[in-house]
Amino acid sequence: MASRKYGAKASKKVKRAMHERKEGTLRSGGSGKKVKSRKQAIAIGLSEARREGGKVPAPKGKKAKKAKKGKKAKKKSARSRSR
């Protein structure tokens, strides 16, 4: 059986963030503006769970893409050296 991708703590945090967004009380961290987007509310909940040590996968972004690019480049250079 496959393991769950997100833990219970992450679920609670996202649920709370969504509830706050519906009420209109959820604010973003940097600017303090009211959050209107559903996706942004989910991202806030996941980042809070991540900070508190909940089971949440690493965020997909520039850092993850750069790490993958670096690995591919290393593989290519290793292949060219062996030929």
N, C-alpha and C. Protein backbone atom coordinates (compact mmCIF):
# COMPACT_ATOMS: atom_id res chain seq x y z
N MET A 1 0.83 -1.18 0.00
CA MET A 1 0.00 0.00 0.00
C MET A 1 0.88 1.25 0.00
N ALA A 2 0.54 2.21 -0.81
CA ALA A 2 1.33 3.43 -0.93
C ALA A 2 1.14 4.31 0.31
N SER A 3 2.23 4.98 0.70
CA SER A 3 2.13 5.87 1.86
C SER A 3 1.52 7.20 1.44
N ARG A 4 0.97 7.89 2.42
CA ARG A 4 0.32 9.17 2.16
C ARG A 4 1.37 10.23 1.85
N LYS A 5 1.05 11.11 0.92
CA LYS A 5 1.99 12.15 0.52
C LYS A 5 2.04 13.27 1.57
N TYR A 6 0.88 13.59 2.16
CA TYR A 6 0.79 14.66 3.15
C TYR A 6 0.31 14.09 4.47
N GLY A 7 0.85 14.59 5.57
CA GLY A 7 0.48 14.12 6.89
C GLY A 7 -0.76 14.82 7.44
N ALA A 8 -1.17 14.40 8.63
CA ALA A 8 -2.36 14.97 9.28
C ALA A 8 -2.15 16.43 9.64
N LYS A 9 -0.94 16.79 10.06
CA LYS A 9 -0.66 18.18 10.43
C LYS A 9 -0.83 19.09 9.22
N ALA A 10 -0.38 18.63 8.06
CA ALA A 10 -0.51 19.42 6.83
C ALA A 10 -1.99 19.61 6.48
N SER A 11 -2.77 18.56 6.65
CA SER A 11 -4.21 18.65 6.36
C SER A 11 -4.88 19.68 7.25
N LYS A 12 -4.54 19.66 8.53
CA LYS A 12 -5.14 20.61 9.48
C LYS A 12 -4.76 22.05 9.14
N LYS A 13 -3.50 22.26 8.80
CA LYS A 13 -3.03 23.61 8.50
C LYS A 13 -3.70 24.15 7.23
N VAL A 14 -3.83 23.31 6.22
CA VAL A 14 -4.46 23.74 4.96
C VAL A 14 -5.95 24.02 5.20
N LYS A 15 -6.59 23.16 5.99
CA LYS A 15 -8.02 23.35 6.31
C LYS A 15 -8.23 24.69 7.03
N ARG A 16 -7.34 24.99 7.99
CA ARG A 16 -7.44 26.24 8.73
C ARG A 16 -7.22 27.45 7.81
N ALA A 17 -6.23 27.35 6.92
CA ALA A 17 -5.94 28.44 5.99
C ALA A 17 -7.11 28.68 5.04
N MET A 18 -7.72 27.60 4.58
CA MET A 18 -8.87 27.73 3.67
C MET A 18 -10.05 28.38 4.40
N HIS A 19 -10.25 28.00 5.66
CA HIS A 19 -11.35 28.58 6.44
C HIS A 19 -11.12 30.08 6.65
N GLU A 20 -9.87 30.44 6.98
CA GLU A 20 -9.54 31.86 7.17
C GLU A 20 -9.71 32.64 5.87
N ARG A 21 -9.37 32.01 4.75
CA ARG A 21 -9.53 32.69 3.45
C ARG A 21 -11.00 32.97 3.19
N LYS A 22 -11.85 32.00 3.47
CA LYS A 22 -13.30 32.18 3.27
C LYS A 22 -13.85 33.30 4.14
N GLU A 23 -13.35 33.38 5.37
CA GLU A 23 -13.80 34.44 6.28
C GLU A 23 -13.23 35.80 5.90
N GLY A 24 -12.12 35.79 5.16
CA GLY A 24 -11.46 37.03 4.76
C GLY A 24 -10.43 37.51 5.76
N THR A 25 -9.97 36.61 6.64
CA THR A 25 -8.98 37.00 7.65
C THR A 25 -7.57 36.50 7.36
N LEU A 26 -7.40 35.72 6.30
CA LEU A 26 -6.07 35.18 5.97
C LEU A 26 -5.27 36.25 5.25
N ARG A 27 -4.07 36.51 5.78
CA ARG A 27 -3.20 37.54 5.21
C ARG A 27 -1.87 36.91 4.82
N SER A 28 -1.25 37.47 3.78
CA SER A 28 0.05 36.96 3.36
C SER A 28 1.12 37.50 4.29
N GLY A 29 2.23 36.78 4.37
CA GLY A 29 3.28 37.13 5.33
C GLY A 29 4.00 38.44 5.06
N GLY A 30 4.53 38.60 3.85
CA GLY A 30 5.38 39.76 3.56
C GLY A 30 4.65 41.08 3.53
N SER A 31 3.62 41.15 2.70
CA SER A 31 2.94 42.43 2.50
C SER A 31 1.77 42.64 3.44
N GLY A 32 1.22 41.56 3.97
CA GLY A 32 0.08 41.67 4.87
C GLY A 32 -1.24 41.88 4.14
N LYS A 33 -1.22 41.67 2.81
CA LYS A 33 -2.45 41.83 2.02
C LYS A 33 -3.36 40.62 2.23
N LYS A 34 -4.66 40.85 2.01
CA LYS A 34 -5.64 39.78 2.15
C LYS A 34 -5.46 38.77 1.03
N VAL A 35 -5.47 37.49 1.38
CA VAL A 35 -5.32 36.41 0.41
C VAL A 35 -6.68 36.11 -0.22
N LYS A 36 -6.74 36.13 -1.55
CA LYS A 36 -7.99 35.86 -2.26
C LYS A 36 -7.95 34.53 -3.00
N SER A 37 -6.76 34.10 -3.36
CA SER A 37 -6.58 32.91 -4.17
C SER A 37 -6.62 31.63 -3.33
N ARG A 38 -7.33 30.62 -3.84
CA ARG A 38 -7.39 29.31 -3.19
C ARG A 38 -6.02 28.66 -3.18
N LYS A 39 -5.30 28.76 -4.29
CA LYS A 39 -3.97 28.14 -4.39
C LYS A 39 -2.99 28.77 -3.39
N GLN A 40 -3.10 30.09 -3.22
CA GLN A 40 -2.21 30.77 -2.28
C GLN A 40 -2.51 30.34 -0.85
N ALA A 41 -3.80 30.14 -0.54
CA ALA A 41 -4.18 29.68 0.80
C ALA A 41 -3.61 28.29 1.07
N ILE A 42 -3.66 27.41 0.08
CA ILE A 42 -3.10 26.06 0.22
C ILE A 42 -1.59 26.15 0.44
N ALA A 43 -0.92 27.01 -0.31
CA ALA A 43 0.52 27.16 -0.19
C ALA A 43 0.90 27.67 1.20
N ILE A 44 0.11 28.59 1.74
CA ILE A 44 0.38 29.11 3.08
C ILE A 44 0.23 28.00 4.12
N GLY A 45 -0.84 27.21 4.00
CA GLY A 45 -1.06 26.10 4.94
C GLY A 45 0.06 25.08 4.89
N LEU A 46 0.51 24.74 3.69
CA LEU A 46 1.59 23.76 3.54
C LEU A 46 2.91 24.29 4.09
N SER A 47 3.20 25.56 3.85
CA SER A 47 4.46 26.11 4.35
C SER A 47 4.46 26.17 5.87
N GLU A 48 3.30 26.46 6.48
CA GLU A 48 3.21 26.46 7.94
C GLU A 48 3.44 25.05 8.49
N ALA A 49 2.85 24.06 7.84
CA ALA A 49 3.03 22.67 8.27
C ALA A 49 4.49 22.25 8.10
N ARG A 50 5.11 22.69 7.03
CA ARG A 50 6.51 22.36 6.75
C ARG A 50 7.41 22.95 7.85
N ARG A 51 7.12 24.19 8.25
CA ARG A 51 7.89 24.85 9.30
C ARG A 51 7.79 24.12 10.64
N GLU A 52 6.61 23.54 10.91
CA GLU A 52 6.39 22.85 12.18
C GLU A 52 6.78 21.38 12.12
N GLY A 53 7.35 20.94 11.01
CA GLY A 53 7.87 19.57 10.91
C GLY A 53 6.86 18.54 10.46
N GLY A 54 5.79 18.96 9.82
CA GLY A 54 4.79 18.02 9.32
C GLY A 54 5.28 17.29 8.09
N LYS A 55 4.60 16.20 7.74
CA LYS A 55 4.99 15.42 6.56
C LYS A 55 4.44 16.11 5.31
N VAL A 56 5.32 16.87 4.65
CA VAL A 56 4.96 17.60 3.45
C VAL A 56 6.12 17.48 2.48
N PRO A 57 5.87 17.15 1.21
CA PRO A 57 6.97 17.08 0.24
C PRO A 57 7.63 18.44 0.03
N ALA A 58 8.86 18.44 -0.42
CA ALA A 58 9.58 19.69 -0.68
C ALA A 58 8.87 20.48 -1.76
N PRO A 59 8.91 21.80 -1.67
CA PRO A 59 8.22 22.62 -2.68
C PRO A 59 8.88 22.50 -4.05
N LYS A 60 8.06 22.48 -5.09
CA LYS A 60 8.59 22.46 -6.45
C LYS A 60 8.88 23.90 -6.83
N GLY A 61 10.08 24.15 -7.32
CA GLY A 61 10.42 25.51 -7.66
C GLY A 61 11.77 25.56 -8.33
N LYS A 62 12.36 26.74 -8.31
CA LYS A 62 13.63 26.96 -8.98
C LYS A 62 14.75 26.11 -8.40
N LYS A 63 14.80 25.97 -7.08
CA LYS A 63 15.87 25.20 -6.45
C LYS A 63 15.82 23.74 -6.88
N ALA A 64 14.61 23.18 -6.93
CA ALA A 64 14.46 21.78 -7.32
C ALA A 64 14.86 21.59 -8.78
N LYS A 65 14.48 22.54 -9.63
CA LYS A 65 14.82 22.45 -11.05
C LYS A 65 16.31 22.57 -11.26
N LYS A 66 16.96 23.49 -10.52
CA LYS A 66 18.40 23.68 -10.65
C LYS A 66 19.15 22.43 -10.21
N ALA A 67 18.68 21.79 -9.16
CA ALA A 67 19.33 20.58 -8.66
C ALA A 67 19.24 19.48 -9.71
N LYS A 68 18.08 19.35 -10.35
CA LYS A 68 17.92 18.34 -11.40
C LYS A 68 18.83 18.64 -12.57
N LYS A 69 18.90 19.93 -12.96
CA LYS A 69 19.75 20.32 -14.08
C LYS A 69 21.20 19.97 -13.80
N GLY A 70 21.63 20.23 -12.58
CA GLY A 70 23.00 19.93 -12.19
C GLY A 70 23.31 18.45 -12.28
N LYS A 71 22.39 17.61 -11.87
CA LYS A 71 22.59 16.16 -11.92
C LYS A 71 22.68 15.69 -13.37
N LYS A 72 21.82 16.24 -14.24
CA LYS A 72 21.84 15.84 -15.65
C LYS A 72 23.15 16.25 -16.29
N ALA A 73 23.64 17.43 -15.97
CA ALA A 73 24.89 17.90 -16.54
C ALA A 73 26.05 17.02 -16.10
N LYS A 74 26.05 16.60 -14.84
CA LYS A 74 27.11 15.73 -14.34
C LYS A 74 27.08 14.38 -15.05
N LYS A 75 25.88 13.84 -15.28
CA LYS A 75 25.75 12.56 -15.97
C LYS A 75 26.28 12.66 -17.39
N LYS A 76 25.92 13.76 -18.08
CA LYS A 76 26.37 13.94 -19.47
C LYS A 76 27.89 14.02 -19.54
N SER A 77 28.49 14.80 -18.62
CA SER A 77 29.95 14.95 -18.65
C SER A 77 30.64 13.62 -18.31
N ALA A 78 30.06 12.83 -17.42
CA ALA A 78 30.63 11.54 -17.08
C ALA A 78 30.55 10.58 -18.28
N ARG A 79 29.45 10.65 -19.01
CA ARG A 79 29.30 9.80 -20.20
C ARG A 79 30.32 10.16 -21.27
N SER A 80 30.51 11.47 -21.47
CA SER A 80 31.44 11.90 -22.52
C SER A 80 32.89 11.55 -22.17
N ARG A 81 33.21 11.54 -20.88
CA ARG A 81 34.57 11.18 -20.44
C ARG A 81 34.85 9.69 -20.65
N SER A 82 33.83 8.86 -20.46
CA SER A 82 34.04 7.41 -20.57
C SER A 82 34.17 6.96 -22.01
N ARG A 83 33.76 7.75 -22.95
CA ARG A 83 33.86 7.35 -24.38
C ARG A 83 35.18 7.55 -24.96
